[in-house]
Amino acid sequence: MKRGVTFCIVADLDRAVRKAIKRIREWRPYRDRDGIKTEREIGETVHVMNKREGAFRLVVLRQKKKQLDLFSDEEYFLRCPHLETPFMSLLL
């Protein structure tokens, strides 16, 4: 990896990841690069993937849906940029 290059690996929102997200109790306002508060919130937890050794830090961005979805009972849009990357320093 070249220095100064940032990237993000996105975690699948499978059943195990969604279960881990539901355990997050502390959500903080997410601020953009200029420090301006957005409509999103950020939270984090630990996740262990199947067939992998060790746990990973899972950071989640969520945003409340303005309109409910006919085919889903999810209250939030969820994004899971996967961790331990230089990108995460921009979020936390």
Protein backbone atom coordinates (compact mmCIF):
# COMPACT_ATOMS: atom_id res chain seq x y z
CA MET A 1 0.00 0.00 0.00
CA LYS A 2 1.30 3.44 -0.90
CA ARG A 3 1.45 6.03 1.82
CA GLY A 4 -1.29 8.62 1.68
CA VAL A 5 -3.68 6.29 -0.13
CA THR A 6 -6.85 5.53 1.78
CA PHE A 7 -9.35 2.82 1.08
CA CYS A 8 -12.34 1.09 2.57
CA ILE A 9 -13.48 -2.52 2.55
CA VAL A 10 -17.24 -2.84 2.96
CA ALA A 11 -18.69 -5.62 5.11
CA ASP A 12 -21.69 -7.58 3.82
CA LEU A 13 -24.85 -6.86 5.80
CA ASP A 14 -25.49 -10.55 6.41
CA ARG A 15 -27.40 -11.95 9.38
CA ALA A 16 -24.32 -12.08 11.66
CA VAL A 17 -23.32 -8.48 10.88
CA ARG A 18 -26.87 -7.22 11.44
CA LYS A 19 -26.96 -9.05 14.78
CA ALA A 20 -23.68 -7.38 15.78
CA ILE A 21 -25.06 -3.97 14.74
CA LYS A 22 -28.13 -4.44 16.96
CA ARG A 23 -25.77 -4.84 19.94
CA ILE A 24 -24.31 -1.35 19.42
CA ARG A 25 -25.56 0.83 22.27
CA GLU A 26 -23.54 4.00 21.71
CA TRP A 27 -24.20 5.99 18.55
CA ARG A 28 -22.49 9.34 18.02
CA PRO A 29 -23.22 12.08 15.49
CA TYR A 30 -21.12 11.68 12.35
CA ARG A 31 -19.31 14.79 11.20
CA ASP A 32 -17.97 15.41 7.71
CA ARG A 33 -14.38 16.39 6.88
CA ASP A 34 -15.12 20.00 7.84
CA GLY A 35 -16.51 18.97 11.23
CA ILE A 36 -20.09 19.70 10.26
CA LYS A 37 -22.66 17.42 11.86
CA THR A 38 -24.56 15.28 9.33
CA GLU A 39 -27.81 13.29 9.54
CA ARG A 40 -25.76 10.12 9.99
CA GLU A 41 -24.59 8.44 13.18
CA ILE A 42 -21.52 6.29 13.79
CA GLY A 43 -21.11 3.32 16.10
CA GLU A 44 -18.70 0.44 16.46
CA THR A 45 -18.52 -3.12 17.72
CA VAL A 46 -16.41 -6.25 17.35
CA HIS A 47 -17.21 -8.92 14.75
CA VAL A 48 -15.79 -12.38 14.09
CA MET A 49 -16.17 -13.76 10.58
CA ASN A 50 -16.72 -17.46 9.92
CA LYS A 51 -13.59 -19.47 9.16
CA ARG A 52 -11.29 -16.58 10.14
CA GLU A 53 -9.04 -16.27 13.12
CA GLY A 54 -9.40 -13.21 15.27
CA ALA A 55 -11.97 -10.50 15.61
CA PHE A 56 -12.36 -7.35 13.56
CA ARG A 57 -13.42 -3.88 14.53
CA LEU A 58 -16.68 -3.11 12.74
CA VAL A 59 -17.61 0.55 12.31
CA VAL A 60 -21.15 1.29 11.18
CA LEU A 61 -22.64 4.42 9.67
CA ARG A 62 -26.40 4.67 9.92
CA GLN A 63 -28.94 7.18 8.69
CA LYS A 64 -32.60 7.20 9.61
CA LYS A 65 -34.85 6.56 6.62
CA LYS A 66 -37.09 9.47 5.76
CA GLN A 67 -39.66 7.12 4.29
CA LEU A 68 -40.33 3.55 5.37
CA ASP A 69 -39.77 0.78 2.88
CA LEU A 70 -42.75 -1.36 1.83
CA PHE A 71 -40.66 -4.54 1.80
CA SER A 72 -38.40 -3.94 4.81
CA ASP A 73 -38.89 -3.10 8.47
CA GLU A 74 -35.41 -1.55 8.73
CA GLU A 75 -35.54 1.90 10.30
CA TYR A 76 -32.04 2.92 9.11
CA PHE A 77 -29.84 2.80 6.04
CA LEU A 78 -26.66 1.01 7.16
CA ARG A 79 -23.13 1.20 5.80
CA CYS A 80 -20.29 -0.92 7.15
CA PRO A 81 -16.92 0.23 5.94
CA HIS A 82 -14.65 -2.59 7.14
CA LEU A 83 -11.96 -1.79 9.55
CA GLU A 84 -8.39 -1.47 10.46
CA THR A 85 -7.84 0.69 7.39
CA PRO A 86 -6.46 4.22 7.08
CA PHE A 87 -9.96 5.29 6.01
CA MET A 88 -11.25 4.71 9.52
CA SER A 89 -9.07 7.48 10.94
CA LEU A 90 -11.21 9.90 8.92
CA LEU A 91 -14.35 8.64 10.64
CA LEU A 92 -13.28 8.41 14.27
